[in-house]
C-alpha atoms as a PDB file:
ATOM      1  CA  MET A   1      86.801 115.958  84.826  1.00  0.00           C
ATOM      2  CA  THR A   2      90.229 117.990  82.813  1.00  0.00           C
ATOM      3  CA  GLN A   3      92.434 116.311  80.509  1.00  0.00           C
ATOM      4  CA  ARG A   4      94.924 115.812  83.038  1.00  0.00           C
ATOM      5  CA  VAL A   5      93.239 114.738  85.209  1.00  0.00           C
ATOM      6  CA  ASP A   6      91.698 112.543  83.283  1.00  0.00           C
ATOM      7  CA  LEU A   7      95.332 111.348  82.384  1.00  0.00           C
ATOM      8  CA  ALA A   8      96.230 111.009  86.092  1.00  0.00           C
ATOM      9  CA  SER A   9      93.865 108.581  86.680  1.00  0.00           C
ATOM     10  CA  VAL A  10      94.904 106.379  84.029  1.00  0.00           C
ATOM     11  CA  MET A  11      98.257 106.763  85.491  1.00  0.00           C
ATOM     12  CA  ASP A  12      97.575 105.657  88.462  1.00  0.00           C
ATOM     13  CA  ARG A  13      95.461 102.894  87.481  1.00  0.00           C
ATOM     14  CA  LEU A  14      98.211 101.361  85.353  1.00  0.00           C
ATOM     15  CA  ALA A  15     100.365 101.610  88.757  1.00  0.00           C
ATOM     16  CA  ILE A  16      97.542  99.709  91.044  1.00  0.00           C
ATOM     17  CA  ASP A  17      97.781  97.602  87.985  1.00  0.00           C
ATOM     18  CA  GLU A  18     101.267  97.305  88.685  1.00  0.00           C
ATOM     19  CA  VAL A  19     100.869  96.699  92.485  1.00  0.00           C
ATOM     20  CA  VAL A  20      98.321  94.195  91.526  1.00  0.00           C
ATOM     21  CA  THR A  21     100.310  92.318  89.665  1.00  0.00           C
ATOM     22  CA  GLY A  22     103.636  92.496  91.587  1.00  0.00           C
ATOM     23  CA  TYR A  23     101.650  90.514  94.607  1.00  0.00           C
ATOM     24  CA  ALA A  24     101.157  87.738  91.931  1.00  0.00           C
ATOM     25  CA  ARG A  25     104.183  87.525  91.389  1.00  0.00           C
ATOM     26  CA  ALA A  26     105.474  87.530  94.922  1.00  0.00           C
ATOM     27  CA  VAL A  27     103.177  85.573  96.258  1.00  0.00           C
ATOM     28  CA  ASP A  28     103.983  83.096  93.944  1.00  0.00           C
ATOM     29  CA  ASP A  29     107.697  83.323  94.287  1.00  0.00           C
ATOM     30  CA  GLY A  30     107.920  83.440  97.941  1.00  0.00           C
ATOM     31  CA  ASP A  31     109.743  86.774  97.139  1.00  0.00           C
ATOM     32  CA  TRP A  32     108.457  87.419 101.035  1.00  0.00           C
ATOM     33  CA  ALA A  33     110.265  90.878 101.088  1.00  0.00           C
ATOM     34  CA  ALA A  34     109.194  91.726  97.423  1.00  0.00           C
ATOM     35  CA  TYR A  35     105.265  90.789  99.260  1.00  0.00           C
ATOM     36  CA  ARG A  36     106.314  93.285 102.433  1.00  0.00           C
ATOM     37  CA  ALA A  37     107.437  96.377  99.498  1.00  0.00           C
ATOM     38  CA  LEU A  38     103.709  96.306  98.753  1.00  0.00           C
ATOM     39  CA  PHE A  39     101.991  97.493 101.901  1.00  0.00           C
ATOM     40  CA  ALA A  40     102.346 101.008 103.610  1.00  0.00           C
ATOM     41  CA  PRO A  41     103.094 100.816 106.721  1.00  0.00           C
ATOM     42  CA  GLY A  42     100.274  99.578 108.995  1.00  0.00           C
ATOM     43  CA  GLY A  43      98.732  97.460 105.675  1.00  0.00           C
ATOM     44  CA  ARG A  44      96.672  94.756 107.118  1.00  0.00           C
ATOM     45  CA  ALA A  45      96.128  90.720 104.557  1.00  0.00           C
ATOM     46  CA  ASP A  46      93.292  89.099 105.852  1.00  0.00           C
ATOM     47  CA  TYR A  47      93.520  84.745 104.229  1.00  0.00           C
ATOM     48  CA  SER A  48      90.771  83.611 107.135  1.00  0.00           C
ATOM     49  CA  SER A  49      88.283  82.695 103.864  1.00  0.00           C
ATOM     50  CA  ALA A  50      91.171  80.066 102.502  1.00  0.00           C
ATOM     51  CA  GLY A  51      91.767  78.967 106.108  1.00  0.00           C
ATOM     52  CA  GLY A  52      94.768  81.456 107.337  1.00  0.00           C
ATOM     53  CA  ILE A  53      95.199  84.310 109.446  1.00  0.00           C
ATOM     54  CA  GLU A  54      94.412  88.053 109.388  1.00  0.00           C
ATOM     55  CA  GLY A  55      97.305  90.164 110.854  1.00  0.00           C
ATOM     56  CA  PRO A  56      99.782  92.800 109.680  1.00  0.00           C
ATOM     57  CA  ALA A  57     101.231  92.313 106.560  1.00  0.00           C
ATOM     58  CA  GLU A  58     104.499  91.284 108.385  1.00  0.00           C
ATOM     59  CA  GLU A  59     102.985  88.696 110.094  1.00  0.00           C
ATOM     60  CA  VAL A  60     101.029  87.663 107.297  1.00  0.00           C
ATOM     61  CA  ALA A  61     104.202  87.344 105.869  1.00  0.00           C
ATOM     62  CA  ASP A  62     105.551  85.249 107.488  1.00  0.00           C
ATOM     63  CA  TRP A  63     102.696  82.793 107.507  1.00  0.00           C
ATOM     64  CA  LEU A  64     102.332  82.936 103.809  1.00  0.00           C
ATOM     65  CA  ALA A  65     106.298  82.075 104.143  1.00  0.00           C
ATOM     66  CA  GLU A  66     106.051  78.551 105.975  1.00  0.00           C
ATOM     67  CA  ALA A  67     101.991  77.851 104.629  1.00  0.00           C
ATOM     68  CA  MET A  68     103.250  78.309 100.566  1.00  0.00           C
ATOM     69  CA  GLN A  69     106.471  75.584 101.800  1.00  0.00           C
ATOM     70  CA  LEU A  70     103.489  72.880 100.758  1.00  0.00           C
ATOM     71  CA  PHE A  71     103.336  74.346  97.248  1.00  0.00           C
ATOM     72  CA  PRO A  72     106.826  74.448  95.955  1.00  0.00           C
ATOM     73  CA  VAL A  73     104.702  75.554  91.823  1.00  0.00           C
ATOM     74  CA  ARG A  74     102.068  77.558  92.449  1.00  0.00           C
ATOM     75  CA  GLN A  75     100.781  80.520  89.785  1.00  0.00           C
ATOM     76  CA  HIS A  76      98.279  82.781  90.619  1.00  0.00           C
ATOM     77  CA  LEU A  77      96.545  84.525  87.615  1.00  0.00           C
ATOM     78  CA  ILE A  78      94.522  87.620  89.040  1.00  0.00           C
ATOM     79  CA  VAL A  79      91.827  88.512  85.888  1.00  0.00           C
ATOM     80  CA  ASN A  80      88.883  90.669  85.074  1.00  0.00           C
ATOM     81  CA  ARG A  81      90.198  93.536  87.745  1.00  0.00           C
ATOM     82  CA  LEU A  82      88.021  96.505  88.886  1.00  0.00           C
ATOM     83  CA  VAL A  83      90.032  99.670  89.965  1.00  0.00           C
ATOM     84  CA  ARG A  84      87.648 102.148  91.410  1.00  0.00           C
ATOM     85  CA  LEU A  85      89.255 105.629  92.690  1.00  0.00           C
ATOM     86  CA  ALA A  86      88.178 107.479  95.053  1.00  0.00           C
ATOM     87  CA  ASP A  87      86.487 111.123  94.193  1.00  0.00           C
ATOM     88  CA  GLY A  88      89.424 113.535  93.933  1.00  0.00           C
ATOM     89  CA  GLY A  89      87.031 116.526  93.928  1.00  0.00           C
ATOM     90  CA  GLY A  90      88.899 117.377  90.249  1.00  0.00           C
ATOM     91  CA  TRP A  91      92.033 116.043  91.566  1.00  0.00           C
ATOM     92  CA  ALA A  92      94.105 113.244  91.614  1.00  0.00           C
ATOM     93  CA  ALA A  93      92.634 110.565  93.465  1.00  0.00           C
ATOM     94  CA  ASP A  94      94.777 108.777  96.833  1.00  0.00           C
ATOM     95  CA  ARG A  95      92.813 105.664  97.595  1.00  0.00           C
ATOM     96  CA  ALA A  96      91.354 103.372  95.262  1.00  0.00           C
ATOM     97  CA  GLU A  97      89.668  99.946  95.647  1.00  0.00           C
ATOM     98  CA  VAL A  98      90.106  96.427  93.420  1.00  0.00           C
ATOM     99  CA  LEU A  99      87.938  94.128  93.321  1.00  0.00           C
ATOM    100  CA  ALA A 100      89.523  91.164  91.369  1.00  0.00           C
ATOM    101  CA  ASP A 101      88.286  88.023  90.715  1.00  0.00           C
ATOM    102  CA  PHE A 102      91.823  84.515  91.112  1.00  0.00           C
ATOM    103  CA  VAL A 103      91.909  81.210  90.215  1.00  0.00           C
ATOM    104  CA  ASN A 104      95.582  79.893  91.703  1.00  0.00           C
ATOM    105  CA  PRO A 105      96.578  75.918  90.964  1.00  0.00           C
ATOM    106  CA  MET A 106      99.055  74.943  92.467  1.00  0.00           C
ATOM    107  CA  ARG A 107     101.349  71.745  93.153  1.00  0.00           C
ATOM    108  CA  LEU A 108     101.752  70.127  96.343  1.00  0.00           C
ATOM    109  CA  ASP A 109     105.607  68.971  97.082  1.00  0.00           C
ATOM    110  CA  GLY A 110     105.246  65.276  96.533  1.00  0.00           C
ATOM    111  CA  GLY A 111     108.987  64.988  96.873  1.00  0.00           C
ATOM    112  CA  GLY A 112     110.233  64.125  93.969  1.00  0.00           C
ATOM    113  CA  ALA A 113     112.652  65.790  91.695  1.00  0.00           C
ATOM    114  CA  GLY A 114     113.658  65.758  88.477  1.00  0.00           C
ATOM    115  CA  GLY A 115     111.025  65.993  85.688  1.00  0.00           C
ATOM    116  CA  PRO A 116     108.254  68.399  84.659  1.00  0.00           C
ATOM    117  CA  VAL A 117     105.617  69.397  86.877  1.00  0.00           C
ATOM    118  CA  THR A 118     102.626  68.322  84.728  1.00  0.00           C
ATOM    119  CA  ALA A 119      99.366  69.258  86.415  1.00  0.00           C
ATOM    120  CA  PRO A 120      98.552  70.938  89.382  1.00  0.00           C
ATOM    121  CA  ASN A 121      96.949  68.625  92.670  1.00  0.00           C
ATOM    122  CA  PHE A 122      95.286  71.648  93.986  1.00  0.00           C
ATOM    123  CA  ALA A 123      93.461  74.616  93.176  1.00  0.00           C
ATOM    124  CA  ALA A 124      91.836  77.545  94.973  1.00  0.00           C
ATOM    125  CA  ALA A 125      89.829  80.364  93.389  1.00  0.00           C
ATOM    126  CA  GLY A 126      87.398  83.356  94.671  1.00  0.00           C
ATOM    127  CA  ARG A 127      87.820  87.383  94.445  1.00  0.00           C
ATOM    128  CA  TYR A 128      90.541  89.643  96.045  1.00  0.00           C
ATOM    129  CA  THR A 129      89.904  93.193  97.588  1.00  0.00           C
ATOM    130  CA  PHE A 130      92.817  95.181  97.558  1.00  0.00           C
ATOM    131  CA  ALA A 131      92.894  98.397  99.407  1.00  0.00           C
ATOM    132  CA  LEU A 132      95.533 101.133  98.446  1.00  0.00           C
ATOM    133  CA  THR A 133      96.646 104.093  99.512  1.00  0.00           C
ATOM    134  CA  ARG A 134      99.088 106.863  97.533  1.00  0.00           C
ATOM    135  CA  THR A 135     102.848 107.255  99.738  1.00  0.00           C
ATOM    136  CA  ALA A 136     104.377 110.044  99.046  1.00  0.00           C
ATOM    137  CA  ARG A 137     107.612 107.926  98.761  1.00  0.00           C
ATOM    138  CA  ASP A 138     106.465 104.720  96.727  1.00  0.00           C
ATOM    139  CA  GLY A 139     103.581 105.847  95.202  1.00  0.00           C
ATOM    140  CA  TRP A 140     100.360 103.062  95.215  1.00  0.00           C
ATOM    141  CA  ARG A 141     100.849 100.692  98.314  1.00  0.00           C
ATOM    142  CA  LEU A 142      98.458  98.386  99.361  1.00  0.00           C
ATOM    143  CA  THR A 143      96.587  98.930 102.906  1.00  0.00           C
ATOM    144  CA  ARG A 144      94.287  96.106 103.314  1.00  0.00           C
ATOM    145  CA  VAL A 145      94.269  92.507 100.415  1.00  0.00           C
ATOM    146  CA  THR A 146      90.942  90.476 101.843  1.00  0.00           C
ATOM    147  CA  VAL A 147      90.727  87.351 100.105  1.00  0.00           C
ATOM    148  CA  HIS A 148      87.176  85.471  99.952  1.00  0.00           C
ATOM    149  CA  GLU A 149      87.491  82.187  98.691  1.00  0.00           C
ATOM    150  CA  LYS A 150      85.008  81.011  96.781  1.00  0.00           C
ATOM    151  CA  TRP A 151      86.334  77.167  95.619  1.00  0.00           C
ATOM    152  CA  ARG A 152      89.055  75.217  96.140  1.00  0.00           C
ATOM    153  CA  HIS A 153      89.902  71.657  94.501  1.00  0.00           C
ATOM    154  CA  LEU A 154      92.090  68.714  95.394  1.00  0.00           C
ATOM    155  CA  SER A 155      92.901  65.864  93.381  1.00  0.00           C
ATOM    156  CA  ALA A 156      94.800  62.384  93.719  1.00  0.00           C
END
């Protein structure tokens, strides 16, 4: 590889990391317009391992907007990101896959107001698979998000 391709690869990894972080923030903040904007046309998401739905990103965003009302406090932590760029044959890649672990503590809506939230009463964890493509207009965008939930805990 040339230094130019190596530099492009580093820049791609940073841009991909920004998409993954943007995904976590959009879900945690309930910013469904930002969630939708992270996907390439035809992008899909699969939350079926966590009891959710699989489908086009637009439909999944609508489902998430409804489902996440149960959890007004959310904080996704996406860690141990393994970024795999497709072989570009000596050129910058235009496809990538990210495997990343997640821990997602959330607070169920207790209907109470005021005071600080002291602890989550629901947590889930597992691994994401993010598939991405480089788009001409918007740069790196998600083509598929798959949640592989491994465990969950509900406390009183």
